[in-house]
Amino acid sequence: MRPARHATPYGRAACRWAVLLLPALWLATPVQAQLVPSLAAFQFSNGVHPTFDATFESTSERDVSRFWYNELKAASMRVTNKKEMVGYAARIPAASTDTLQVLIAVERSKAFQSTTVHIAFFTRIGYIGPDSPERELGGCMEWVRQRMVSLQRQLAQTAVAAGQRDLGNLSRQLDMLQREEQRMENSLRRTRQRMEQAAKDSTQSAEQLAQLAMAPDTAGTDSATRAAQDKQRRKDLARWQDRSKRSAYTKQDMQQKEQDLQWALKKSKEDQAAKQAQVERQEAVVRDLREKMQAIR
């Protein structure tokens, strides 16, 4: 279990430092976009020390820990990671010409869905805190702030990339729905054409069957001719009866298919409207994520 965070005994001095520091930062960038670490104190394994705290919202503790470990490793001769991260012989030129020891503890708050990094700097004169010389205090503050900006940018870029992927997936799904609608419209057009042709075939079959139903004129013909005519008549009758049945079946099938396609097209339009709304919402999400990323200073 990680040690609990303790209230800082450096409140008044921290406020004095904040009053001196923030106006200079506001001149550089808009205040709402400025990331500034807070001065506090934290219970490390070797005692309570003044810290520079950096808080990150909706971020995994693992990602935050990995980032600060790599940053500490880049600045230090040696790094250990047992009860907390400790960087030995760390060089932060803006804070001190000598090397420092840096302690980092990462604390996850489940209640607020945030991760706080507690960073303590130890020099030959002791731990850097609100009452430390301006160079040491300002140098450590800026070292932490720069890395806060770097991590926030990484997190923002990851969020934008994930949002863009989701937007791409939704756009592809919408495109598939639109393509499917086009296929169904083409199928509906062909279905209606076949239904019209079946109706024509049915009418023609009825006319031919009506003619074949009438008694043929056999006056003046011999028996052989009459037999041949009768045989042909039976063949024509069977052919037109078969054609009449097939046209009736086709018409019935096409009518059912037309109904099915009309229902499917109606459902497709509803699905497209819902998907389009999802796309627009995701576009707004991506725009918001991009704006937040651009606002990080």
Protein backbone atom coordinates (compact mmCIF):
# COMPACT_ATOMS: atom_id res chain seq x y z
CA MET A 1 0.00 0.00 0.00
CA ARG A 2 1.34 3.43 -0.86
CA PRO A 3 1.86 5.91 2.01
CA ALA A 4 -0.83 8.51 2.42
CA ARG A 5 -0.21 12.05 1.33
CA HIS A 6 0.36 14.53 4.18
CA ALA A 7 -0.71 18.13 4.36
CA THR A 8 2.16 20.49 3.65
CA PRO A 9 3.69 22.56 6.45
CA TYR A 10 4.89 25.00 3.78
CA GLY A 11 1.56 26.60 2.92
CA ARG A 12 2.40 30.29 3.47
CA ALA A 13 5.77 30.11 1.79
CA ALA A 14 4.22 28.16 -1.10
CA CYS A 15 1.63 30.88 -1.54
CA ARG A 16 4.34 33.56 -1.58
CA TRP A 17 6.21 31.62 -4.26
CA ALA A 18 3.06 31.10 -6.31
CA VAL A 19 2.36 34.85 -6.22
CA LEU A 20 5.85 35.51 -7.60
CA LEU A 21 5.83 32.69 -10.16
CA LEU A 22 2.38 32.76 -11.74
CA PRO A 23 2.38 36.32 -13.18
CA ALA A 24 5.48 35.51 -15.19
CA LEU A 25 3.85 32.36 -16.49
CA TRP A 26 0.62 34.17 -17.36
CA LEU A 27 2.59 36.63 -19.48
CA ALA A 28 3.93 33.74 -21.54
CA THR A 29 0.67 31.82 -22.15
CA PRO A 30 -3.03 32.00 -21.27
CA VAL A 31 -3.61 31.05 -17.65
CA GLN A 32 -6.21 28.41 -18.51
CA ALA A 33 -3.65 26.58 -20.67
CA GLN A 34 -0.72 26.83 -18.24
CA LEU A 35 0.40 23.69 -16.43
CA VAL A 36 2.03 24.46 -13.08
CA PRO A 37 3.13 21.93 -10.44
CA SER A 38 1.92 22.56 -6.90
CA LEU A 39 4.08 22.74 -3.79
CA ALA A 40 3.17 20.22 -1.12
CA ALA A 41 4.74 17.53 1.08
CA PHE A 42 4.69 13.73 0.98
CA GLN A 43 5.59 10.82 3.24
CA PHE A 44 8.42 8.95 1.51
CA SER A 45 10.07 5.86 2.96
CA ASN A 46 12.74 8.02 4.63
CA GLY A 47 10.44 10.73 5.96
CA VAL A 48 8.20 13.63 5.00
CA HIS A 49 9.75 15.96 2.43
CA PRO A 50 8.60 19.01 0.48
CA THR A 51 7.46 18.05 -3.00
CA PHE A 52 6.52 19.41 -6.37
CA ASP A 53 3.27 17.67 -7.25
CA ALA A 54 1.98 17.02 -10.76
CA THR A 55 -1.56 15.69 -11.17
CA PHE A 56 -2.90 13.96 -14.29
CA GLU A 57 -6.58 13.27 -14.82
CA SER A 58 -8.04 10.01 -16.18
CA THR A 59 -4.63 8.44 -16.66
CA SER A 60 -3.31 5.02 -15.73
CA GLU A 61 -0.76 4.86 -12.94
CA ARG A 62 1.39 2.53 -15.04
CA ASP A 63 1.72 4.99 -17.92
CA VAL A 64 2.53 7.87 -15.59
CA SER A 65 5.09 5.81 -13.66
CA ARG A 66 6.79 4.63 -16.85
CA PHE A 67 7.12 8.20 -18.14
CA TRP A 68 8.64 9.59 -14.95
CA TYR A 69 10.96 6.62 -14.57
CA ASN A 70 12.33 7.23 -18.06
CA GLU A 71 12.72 10.96 -17.36
CA LEU A 72 14.51 10.25 -14.09
CA LYS A 73 16.74 7.70 -15.78
CA ALA A 74 17.70 10.24 -18.45
CA ALA A 75 18.73 12.81 -15.82
CA SER A 76 20.45 10.51 -13.29
CA MET A 77 23.55 8.36 -13.07
CA ARG A 78 21.59 5.58 -11.38
CA VAL A 79 17.93 4.91 -10.63
CA THR A 80 16.32 2.53 -8.15
CA ASN A 81 12.64 1.68 -8.04
CA LYS A 82 11.72 -0.08 -4.80
CA LYS A 83 9.49 1.78 -2.36
CA GLU A 84 9.73 4.84 -4.59
CA MET A 85 11.84 5.90 -7.55
CA VAL A 86 15.17 7.42 -6.57
CA GLY A 87 17.52 9.07 -9.02
CA TYR A 88 21.11 9.44 -7.84
CA ALA A 89 23.54 12.09 -9.10
CA ALA A 90 20.82 13.72 -11.16
CA ARG A 91 21.75 16.81 -13.15
CA ILE A 92 19.31 19.68 -13.39
CA PRO A 93 21.50 22.61 -14.51
CA ALA A 94 18.71 25.18 -14.16
CA ALA A 95 18.40 24.33 -10.46
CA SER A 96 21.97 23.59 -9.38
CA THR A 97 25.49 23.25 -10.70
CA ASP A 98 25.87 20.26 -8.39
CA THR A 99 24.10 16.91 -8.70
CA LEU A 100 20.85 16.19 -6.88
CA GLN A 101 19.00 13.23 -5.53
CA VAL A 102 15.44 13.01 -6.82
CA LEU A 103 12.65 11.03 -5.14
CA ILE A 104 9.46 10.27 -7.05
CA ALA A 105 6.31 8.59 -5.72
CA VAL A 106 3.24 7.99 -7.88
CA GLU A 107 -0.12 7.96 -6.11
CA ARG A 108 -3.44 6.93 -7.68
CA SER A 109 -6.70 8.48 -6.42
CA LYS A 110 -9.65 6.21 -7.21
CA ALA A 111 -12.10 8.75 -5.84
CA PHE A 112 -11.05 11.47 -8.30
CA GLN A 113 -9.78 9.24 -11.14
CA SER A 114 -6.45 11.04 -11.11
CA THR A 115 -2.78 10.19 -10.66
CA THR A 116 -0.48 12.47 -8.69
CA VAL A 117 3.31 12.43 -8.95
CA HIS A 118 5.17 13.62 -5.82
CA ILE A 119 8.71 14.77 -6.63
CA ALA A 120 11.30 15.72 -4.01
CA PHE A 121 14.74 17.21 -4.77
CA PHE A 122 17.62 16.82 -2.33
CA THR A 123 20.80 18.92 -2.54
CA ARG A 124 23.75 19.53 -0.24
CA ILE A 125 21.69 22.13 1.61
CA GLY A 126 18.71 19.83 2.04
CA TYR A 127 15.39 19.27 0.31
CA ILE A 128 14.16 21.97 -2.06
CA GLY A 129 11.05 23.66 -0.70
CA PRO A 130 9.23 26.98 -0.60
CA ASP A 131 11.97 28.62 1.49
CA SER A 132 14.81 27.48 -0.78
CA PRO A 133 16.81 29.94 -2.88
CA GLU A 134 15.01 31.21 -5.95
CA ARG A 135 17.30 29.46 -8.44
CA GLU A 136 16.86 26.01 -6.90
CA LEU A 137 13.14 26.47 -6.41
CA GLY A 138 12.52 27.92 -9.86
CA GLY A 139 14.79 25.42 -11.60
CA CYS A 140 13.08 22.42 -10.03
CA MET A 141 9.66 23.93 -10.66
CA GLU A 142 10.47 24.40 -14.35
CA TRP A 143 11.99 20.92 -14.66
CA VAL A 144 8.76 19.39 -13.35
CA ARG A 145 6.56 21.73 -15.41
CA GLN A 146 8.32 20.90 -18.68
CA ARG A 147 7.77 17.21 -18.08
CA MET A 148 4.17 17.78 -17.11
CA VAL A 149 3.68 19.46 -20.48
CA SER A 150 5.51 16.65 -22.28
CA LEU A 151 3.43 13.92 -20.63
CA GLN A 152 0.18 15.80 -21.09
CA ARG A 153 0.99 16.20 -24.79
CA GLN A 154 1.74 12.49 -25.10
CA LEU A 155 -1.52 11.62 -23.37
CA ALA A 156 -3.43 14.12 -25.51
CA GLN A 157 -1.87 12.77 -28.72
CA THR A 158 -2.81 9.24 -27.68
CA ALA A 159 -6.38 10.37 -26.95
CA VAL A 160 -6.62 12.18 -30.30
CA ALA A 161 -5.28 9.14 -32.15
CA ALA A 162 -7.79 6.86 -30.39
CA GLY A 163 -10.61 9.30 -31.10
CA GLN A 164 -9.56 9.52 -34.75
CA ARG A 165 -9.53 5.71 -35.01
CA ASP A 166 -13.04 5.55 -33.57
CA LEU A 167 -14.14 8.25 -36.01
CA GLY A 168 -12.60 6.31 -38.90
CA ASN A 169 -14.41 3.13 -37.85
CA LEU A 170 -17.73 4.95 -37.59
CA SER A 171 -17.20 6.62 -40.98
CA ARG A 172 -16.44 3.25 -42.59
CA GLN A 173 -19.57 1.77 -41.02
CA LEU A 174 -21.62 4.66 -42.40
CA ASP A 175 -20.06 4.18 -45.83
CA MET A 176 -20.94 0.47 -45.73
CA LEU A 177 -24.55 1.32 -44.87
CA GLN A 178 -24.69 3.77 -47.76
CA ARG A 179 -23.23 1.21 -50.17
CA GLU A 180 -25.69 -1.41 -48.95
CA GLU A 181 -28.55 1.03 -49.48
CA GLN A 182 -27.40 1.59 -53.06
CA ARG A 183 -27.28 -2.16 -53.67
CA MET A 184 -30.80 -2.56 -52.27
CA GLU A 185 -32.10 0.28 -54.44
CA ASN A 186 -30.59 -1.38 -57.51
CA SER A 187 -32.12 -4.69 -56.47
CA LEU A 188 -35.49 -3.01 -55.93
CA ARG A 189 -35.35 -1.50 -59.41
CA ARG A 190 -34.57 -4.90 -60.97
CA THR A 191 -37.31 -6.53 -58.89
CA ARG A 192 -39.89 -4.07 -60.17
CA GLN A 193 -38.70 -4.60 -63.74
CA ARG A 194 -39.10 -8.36 -63.35
CA MET A 195 -42.51 -7.85 -61.78
CA GLU A 196 -43.60 -5.71 -64.75
CA GLN A 197 -42.29 -8.32 -67.17
CA ALA A 198 -44.12 -11.07 -65.29
CA ALA A 199 -47.33 -9.06 -65.55
CA LYS A 200 -46.83 -8.69 -69.32
CA ASP A 201 -46.09 -12.41 -69.66
CA SER A 202 -49.20 -13.23 -67.65
CA THR A 203 -51.38 -11.06 -69.90
CA GLN A 204 -49.86 -12.52 -73.06
CA SER A 205 -50.30 -16.07 -71.72
CA ALA A 206 -53.95 -15.41 -70.93
CA GLU A 207 -54.55 -14.10 -74.46
CA GLN A 208 -52.84 -17.07 -76.09
CA LEU A 209 -54.68 -19.57 -73.89
CA ALA A 210 -57.98 -17.89 -74.78
CA GLN A 211 -57.22 -18.28 -78.47
CA LEU A 212 -56.16 -21.90 -78.03
CA ALA A 213 -59.39 -22.61 -76.14
CA MET A 214 -61.44 -21.81 -79.24
CA ALA A 215 -62.22 -24.72 -81.59
CA PRO A 216 -59.98 -24.63 -84.65
CA ASP A 217 -61.45 -24.37 -88.15
CA THR A 218 -60.82 -27.79 -89.71
CA ALA A 219 -63.07 -27.47 -92.76
CA GLY A 220 -61.41 -28.67 -95.96
CA THR A 221 -58.50 -30.37 -94.18
CA ASP A 222 -57.66 -34.03 -94.28
CA SER A 223 -57.29 -36.22 -91.22
CA ALA A 224 -53.48 -36.15 -91.27
CA THR A 225 -53.43 -32.37 -91.26
CA ARG A 226 -56.03 -32.22 -88.51
CA ALA A 227 -53.96 -34.65 -86.41
CA ALA A 228 -50.84 -32.53 -86.88
CA GLN A 229 -52.73 -29.34 -86.00
CA ASP A 230 -54.22 -30.96 -82.91
CA LYS A 231 -50.78 -32.13 -81.77
CA GLN A 232 -49.31 -28.65 -82.22
CA ARG A 233 -52.28 -27.13 -80.41
CA ARG A 234 -51.70 -29.37 -77.39
CA LYS A 235 -48.00 -28.44 -77.34
CA ASP A 236 -48.81 -24.72 -77.54
CA LEU A 237 -51.42 -25.09 -74.83
CA ALA A 238 -48.94 -26.81 -72.48
CA ARG A 239 -46.28 -24.20 -73.24
CA TRP A 240 -48.55 -21.23 -72.54
CA GLN A 241 -50.00 -22.85 -69.44
CA ASP A 242 -46.48 -23.38 -68.11
CA ARG A 243 -45.55 -19.81 -68.99
CA SER A 244 -48.69 -18.52 -67.26
CA LYS A 245 -47.82 -20.43 -64.07
CA ARG A 246 -44.21 -19.23 -64.10
CA SER A 247 -45.23 -15.61 -64.63
CA ALA A 248 -47.71 -15.89 -61.75
CA TYR A 249 -45.06 -17.37 -59.44
CA THR A 250 -42.53 -14.75 -60.51
CA LYS A 251 -44.97 -11.92 -59.92
CA GLN A 252 -45.82 -13.26 -56.46
CA ASP A 253 -42.14 -13.70 -55.56
CA MET A 254 -41.25 -10.23 -56.81
CA GLN A 255 -44.09 -8.67 -54.85
CA GLN A 256 -42.79 -10.29 -51.66
CA LYS A 257 -39.22 -9.29 -52.49
CA GLU A 258 -40.36 -5.72 -53.15
CA GLN A 259 -41.96 -5.57 -49.71
CA ASP A 260 -38.84 -7.00 -48.06
CA LEU A 261 -36.57 -4.53 -49.86
CA GLN A 262 -38.80 -1.59 -49.00
CA TRP A 263 -38.68 -2.58 -45.32
CA ALA A 264 -34.89 -3.08 -45.49
CA LEU A 265 -34.42 0.31 -47.15
CA LYS A 266 -36.49 2.00 -44.47
CA LYS A 267 -34.39 0.27 -41.77
CA SER A 268 -31.19 1.21 -43.61
CA LYS A 269 -32.14 4.90 -43.66
CA GLU A 270 -32.85 4.76 -39.93
CA ASP A 271 -29.50 3.05 -39.31
CA GLN A 272 -27.73 5.63 -41.45
CA ALA A 273 -29.33 8.50 -39.56
CA ALA A 274 -28.25 6.97 -36.24
CA LYS A 275 -24.74 6.28 -37.56
CA GLN A 276 -24.46 9.79 -38.98
CA ALA A 277 -25.34 11.17 -35.55
CA GLN A 278 -22.60 8.99 -34.04
CA VAL A 279 -20.11 10.27 -36.61
CA GLU A 280 -21.01 13.89 -35.85
CA ARG A 281 -20.71 13.31 -32.10
CA GLN A 282 -17.31 11.66 -32.58
CA GLU A 283 -16.18 14.52 -34.82
CA ALA A 284 -17.05 16.90 -31.98
CA VAL A 285 -15.10 14.69 -29.55
CA VAL A 286 -12.03 14.72 -31.80
CA ARG A 287 -12.25 18.51 -32.24
CA ASP A 288 -12.47 18.93 -28.48
CA LEU A 289 -9.48 16.62 -27.96
CA ARG A 290 -7.44 18.54 -30.54
CA GLU A 291 -8.31 21.86 -28.93
CA LYS A 292 -7.29 20.54 -25.52
CA MET A 293 -4.01 19.24 -26.96
CA GLN A 294 -3.26 22.58 -28.62
CA ALA A 295 -4.04 24.39 -25.36
CA ILE A 296 -1.39 22.48 -23.40
CA ARG A 297 1.40 24.89 -22.45
